[in-house]
C-alpha cells in the first residue's frame, strides 16, 4: 500500500478514487488515502465548482493536485418595448 496525497486547494471537496468515494478534503484542501500500486482515476467534486479529474500511476506518482474552478453562469436579459 502507498499513501497518496490529494490536494484540491478547496476545503470540503469530495474525493473519489476509481469511482468510489474515499473522503473529503480538510481545511487545507488535502486528503491522504492508502492506495494499491497501479493506474487510478482520482476525481474531486464540490457544489458550485466544476469537477476535476486526473489519471495517475501509483507508485510513480504519490501526489496529485486537482484544480476546482467555480462554475460560471450566463444570464441573458431581454428588454421589450411596452
N, C-alpha and C. Protein backbone atom coordinates (compact mmCIF):
# COMPACT_ATOMS: atom_id res chain seq x y z
N UNK A 1 0.84 -1.19 0.00
CA UNK A 1 0.00 0.00 0.00
C UNK A 1 0.88 1.25 0.00
N UNK A 2 0.38 2.29 -0.61
CA UNK A 2 1.09 3.56 -0.71
C UNK A 2 0.17 4.68 -0.22
N UNK A 3 0.75 5.70 0.39
CA UNK A 3 -0.01 6.88 0.80
C UNK A 3 -0.02 7.86 -0.36
N UNK A 4 -1.22 8.23 -0.80
CA UNK A 4 -1.39 9.19 -1.89
C UNK A 4 -1.95 10.47 -1.31
N UNK A 5 -1.27 11.58 -1.58
CA UNK A 5 -1.73 12.89 -1.11
C UNK A 5 -2.49 13.57 -2.23
N UNK A 6 -3.77 13.87 -1.96
CA UNK A 6 -4.64 14.51 -2.94
C UNK A 6 -4.93 15.92 -2.45
N UNK A 7 -4.70 16.91 -3.31
CA UNK A 7 -4.96 18.29 -2.95
C UNK A 7 -5.91 18.90 -3.98
N UNK A 8 -6.95 19.57 -3.47
CA UNK A 8 -7.88 20.25 -4.36
C UNK A 8 -7.85 21.76 -4.14
N UNK A 9 -7.05 22.19 -3.17
CA UNK A 9 -6.94 23.59 -2.78
C UNK A 9 -8.21 24.08 -2.07
N UNK A 10 -9.31 23.38 -2.25
CA UNK A 10 -10.61 23.77 -1.71
C UNK A 10 -10.99 22.86 -0.54
N UNK A 11 -11.37 23.45 0.59
CA UNK A 11 -11.83 22.67 1.73
C UNK A 11 -13.19 22.04 1.43
N UNK A 12 -13.38 20.81 1.87
CA UNK A 12 -14.68 20.16 1.76
C UNK A 12 -14.99 19.56 0.40
N UNK A 13 -13.98 19.37 -0.44
CA UNK A 13 -14.21 18.73 -1.74
C UNK A 13 -14.35 17.23 -1.52
N UNK A 14 -15.32 16.62 -2.17
CA UNK A 14 -15.49 15.16 -2.11
C UNK A 14 -14.50 14.52 -3.08
N UNK A 15 -13.79 13.50 -2.59
CA UNK A 15 -12.77 12.83 -3.40
C UNK A 15 -13.21 11.41 -3.70
N UNK A 16 -13.07 11.05 -4.96
CA UNK A 16 -13.40 9.70 -5.44
C UNK A 16 -12.16 9.11 -6.09
N UNK A 17 -11.90 7.84 -5.81
CA UNK A 17 -10.82 7.12 -6.48
C UNK A 17 -11.44 5.93 -7.19
N UNK A 18 -11.24 5.86 -8.49
CA UNK A 18 -11.82 4.80 -9.33
C UNK A 18 -13.33 4.71 -9.13
N UNK A 19 -13.97 5.89 -8.99
CA UNK A 19 -15.42 5.96 -8.87
C UNK A 19 -15.97 5.72 -7.48
N UNK A 20 -15.10 5.44 -6.51
CA UNK A 20 -15.54 5.15 -5.15
C UNK A 20 -15.19 6.31 -4.22
N UNK A 21 -16.17 6.77 -3.44
CA UNK A 21 -15.94 7.88 -2.50
C UNK A 21 -14.93 7.44 -1.44
N UNK A 22 -13.88 8.27 -1.23
CA UNK A 22 -12.85 7.93 -0.23
C UNK A 22 -12.73 8.95 0.88
N UNK A 23 -13.38 10.11 0.75
CA UNK A 23 -13.32 11.10 1.82
C UNK A 23 -13.45 12.51 1.30
N UNK A 24 -13.24 13.45 2.24
CA UNK A 24 -13.40 14.87 1.94
C UNK A 24 -12.12 15.60 2.34
N UNK A 25 -11.76 16.62 1.57
CA UNK A 25 -10.55 17.38 1.89
C UNK A 25 -10.72 18.17 3.17
N UNK A 26 -9.62 18.35 3.90
CA UNK A 26 -9.63 19.07 5.17
C UNK A 26 -9.53 20.58 4.93
N UNK A 27 -9.31 21.33 6.01
CA UNK A 27 -9.25 22.80 5.93
C UNK A 27 -8.15 23.30 5.00
N UNK A 28 -7.10 22.49 4.81
CA UNK A 28 -6.02 22.89 3.90
C UNK A 28 -6.28 22.42 2.47
N UNK A 29 -7.42 21.74 2.25
CA UNK A 29 -7.75 21.26 0.91
C UNK A 29 -7.07 19.96 0.55
N UNK A 30 -6.64 19.20 1.57
CA UNK A 30 -5.85 17.99 1.34
C UNK A 30 -6.52 16.76 1.95
N UNK A 31 -6.31 15.62 1.31
CA UNK A 31 -6.74 14.32 1.82
C UNK A 31 -5.66 13.31 1.50
N UNK A 32 -5.29 12.47 2.46
CA UNK A 32 -4.32 11.40 2.24
C UNK A 32 -5.06 10.07 2.31
N UNK A 33 -4.90 9.25 1.28
CA UNK A 33 -5.56 7.94 1.22
C UNK A 33 -4.52 6.85 0.95
N UNK A 34 -4.84 5.64 1.34
CA UNK A 34 -3.98 4.49 1.07
C UNK A 34 -4.38 3.89 -0.27
N UNK A 35 -3.39 3.64 -1.13
CA UNK A 35 -3.65 3.14 -2.48
C UNK A 35 -2.79 1.92 -2.78
N UNK A 36 -3.30 1.07 -3.65
CA UNK A 36 -2.51 -0.04 -4.17
C UNK A 36 -1.75 0.46 -5.40
N UNK A 37 -0.72 -0.28 -5.79
CA UNK A 37 0.03 0.07 -6.99
C UNK A 37 -0.85 -0.10 -8.21
N UNK A 38 -0.60 0.70 -9.24
CA UNK A 38 -1.34 0.60 -10.49
C UNK A 38 -1.95 1.93 -10.91
N UNK A 39 -2.71 1.90 -11.99
CA UNK A 39 -3.34 3.10 -12.53
C UNK A 39 -4.66 3.36 -11.81
N UNK A 40 -4.88 4.62 -11.43
CA UNK A 40 -6.10 5.01 -10.72
C UNK A 40 -6.60 6.34 -11.26
N UNK A 41 -7.92 6.52 -11.22
CA UNK A 41 -8.53 7.78 -11.60
C UNK A 41 -9.02 8.47 -10.32
N UNK A 42 -8.58 9.71 -10.13
CA UNK A 42 -8.92 10.50 -8.95
C UNK A 42 -9.80 11.66 -9.40
N UNK A 43 -10.91 11.87 -8.67
CA UNK A 43 -11.87 12.93 -9.04
C UNK A 43 -12.21 13.74 -7.80
N UNK A 44 -12.31 15.07 -7.97
CA UNK A 44 -12.72 15.97 -6.89
C UNK A 44 -13.98 16.69 -7.33
N UNK A 45 -14.94 16.80 -6.38
CA UNK A 45 -16.20 17.47 -6.67
C UNK A 45 -16.60 18.34 -5.48
N UNK A 46 -17.20 19.48 -5.76
CA UNK A 46 -17.79 20.32 -4.72
C UNK A 46 -18.87 21.16 -5.37
N UNK A 47 -20.00 21.32 -4.66
CA UNK A 47 -21.10 22.09 -5.19
C UNK A 47 -20.64 23.51 -5.51
N UNK A 48 -21.03 24.00 -6.68
CA UNK A 48 -20.65 25.33 -7.11
C UNK A 48 -19.36 25.38 -7.91
N UNK A 49 -18.71 24.21 -8.07
CA UNK A 49 -17.44 24.11 -8.80
C UNK A 49 -17.56 23.05 -9.89
N UNK A 50 -16.82 23.24 -10.97
CA UNK A 50 -16.72 22.19 -11.98
C UNK A 50 -15.84 21.08 -11.42
N UNK A 51 -16.20 19.81 -11.63
CA UNK A 51 -15.36 18.73 -11.11
C UNK A 51 -14.01 18.68 -11.83
N UNK A 52 -13.03 18.09 -11.16
CA UNK A 52 -11.69 17.93 -11.75
C UNK A 52 -11.30 16.47 -11.62
N UNK A 53 -10.57 15.96 -12.61
CA UNK A 53 -10.22 14.54 -12.62
C UNK A 53 -8.84 14.34 -13.19
N UNK A 54 -8.12 13.34 -12.68
CA UNK A 54 -6.80 13.01 -13.20
C UNK A 54 -6.60 11.50 -13.10
N UNK A 55 -5.87 10.95 -14.07
CA UNK A 55 -5.47 9.55 -14.02
C UNK A 55 -4.00 9.51 -13.70
N UNK A 56 -3.63 8.63 -12.77
CA UNK A 56 -2.24 8.56 -12.32
C UNK A 56 -1.83 7.12 -12.09
N UNK A 57 -0.52 6.91 -12.01
CA UNK A 57 0.02 5.58 -11.75
C UNK A 57 0.77 5.62 -10.43
N UNK A 58 0.33 4.79 -9.49
CA UNK A 58 0.97 4.65 -8.17
C UNK A 58 1.91 3.46 -8.27
N UNK A 59 3.16 3.48 -7.82
CA UNK A 59 3.80 4.49 -7.01
C UNK A 59 4.59 5.54 -7.79
N UNK A 60 4.50 5.58 -9.11
CA UNK A 60 5.25 6.59 -9.87
C UNK A 60 4.87 8.00 -9.43
N UNK A 61 3.61 8.20 -9.09
CA UNK A 61 3.11 9.49 -8.58
C UNK A 61 2.51 9.23 -7.21
N UNK A 62 2.90 10.00 -6.22
CA UNK A 62 2.33 9.84 -4.89
C UNK A 62 1.60 11.09 -4.41
N UNK A 63 1.41 12.05 -5.33
CA UNK A 63 0.61 13.22 -5.02
C UNK A 63 -0.04 13.72 -6.30
N UNK A 64 -1.18 14.35 -6.13
CA UNK A 64 -1.89 14.91 -7.27
C UNK A 64 -2.64 16.15 -6.79
N UNK A 65 -2.65 17.18 -7.62
CA UNK A 65 -3.42 18.39 -7.33
C UNK A 65 -4.50 18.52 -8.39
N UNK A 66 -5.75 18.62 -7.92
CA UNK A 66 -6.89 18.79 -8.81
C UNK A 66 -7.44 20.19 -8.60
N UNK A 67 -7.51 20.98 -9.64
CA UNK A 67 -7.95 22.37 -9.53
C UNK A 67 -9.44 22.49 -9.82
N UNK A 68 -10.21 22.82 -8.80
CA UNK A 68 -11.63 23.04 -8.95
C UNK A 68 -11.86 24.50 -9.33
N UNK A 69 -12.64 24.71 -10.36
CA UNK A 69 -12.91 26.06 -10.86
C UNK A 69 -14.39 26.37 -10.62
N UNK A 70 -14.64 27.55 -10.04
CA UNK A 70 -16.03 27.96 -9.79
C UNK A 70 -16.83 27.93 -11.08
N UNK A 71 -18.05 27.41 -10.97
CA UNK A 71 -18.95 27.41 -12.12
C UNK A 71 -19.34 28.84 -12.45
N UNK A 72 -19.51 29.11 -13.72
CA UNK A 72 -19.99 30.41 -14.15
C UNK A 72 -21.32 30.21 -14.87
N UNK A 73 -22.15 31.20 -14.80
CA UNK A 73 -23.46 31.12 -15.42
C UNK A 73 -23.65 32.30 -16.35
N UNK A 74 -24.31 32.06 -17.45
CA UNK A 74 -24.60 33.12 -18.40
C UNK A 74 -26.03 33.58 -18.18
N UNK A 75 -26.21 34.86 -18.08
CA UNK A 75 -27.54 35.44 -17.91
C UNK A 75 -27.84 36.29 -19.14
N UNK A 76 -29.01 36.07 -19.72
CA UNK A 76 -29.43 36.85 -20.87
C UNK A 76 -30.62 37.71 -20.45
N UNK A 77 -30.53 39.02 -20.69
CA UNK A 77 -31.61 39.94 -20.36
C UNK A 77 -32.19 40.47 -21.66
N UNK A 78 -33.49 40.28 -21.79
CA UNK A 78 -34.18 40.75 -22.99
C UNK A 78 -35.09 41.89 -22.58
N UNK A 79 -34.95 43.04 -23.22
CA UNK A 79 -35.79 44.21 -22.93
C UNK A 79 -36.74 44.37 -24.09
N UNK A 80 -38.04 44.34 -23.77
CA UNK A 80 -39.06 44.51 -24.80
C UNK A 80 -39.76 45.83 -24.62
N UNK A 81 -40.09 46.43 -25.75
CA UNK A 81 -40.80 47.70 -25.72
C UNK A 81 -42.23 47.45 -25.26
N UNK A 82 -42.71 48.30 -24.35
CA UNK A 82 -44.06 48.12 -23.80
C UNK A 82 -45.10 48.68 -24.71
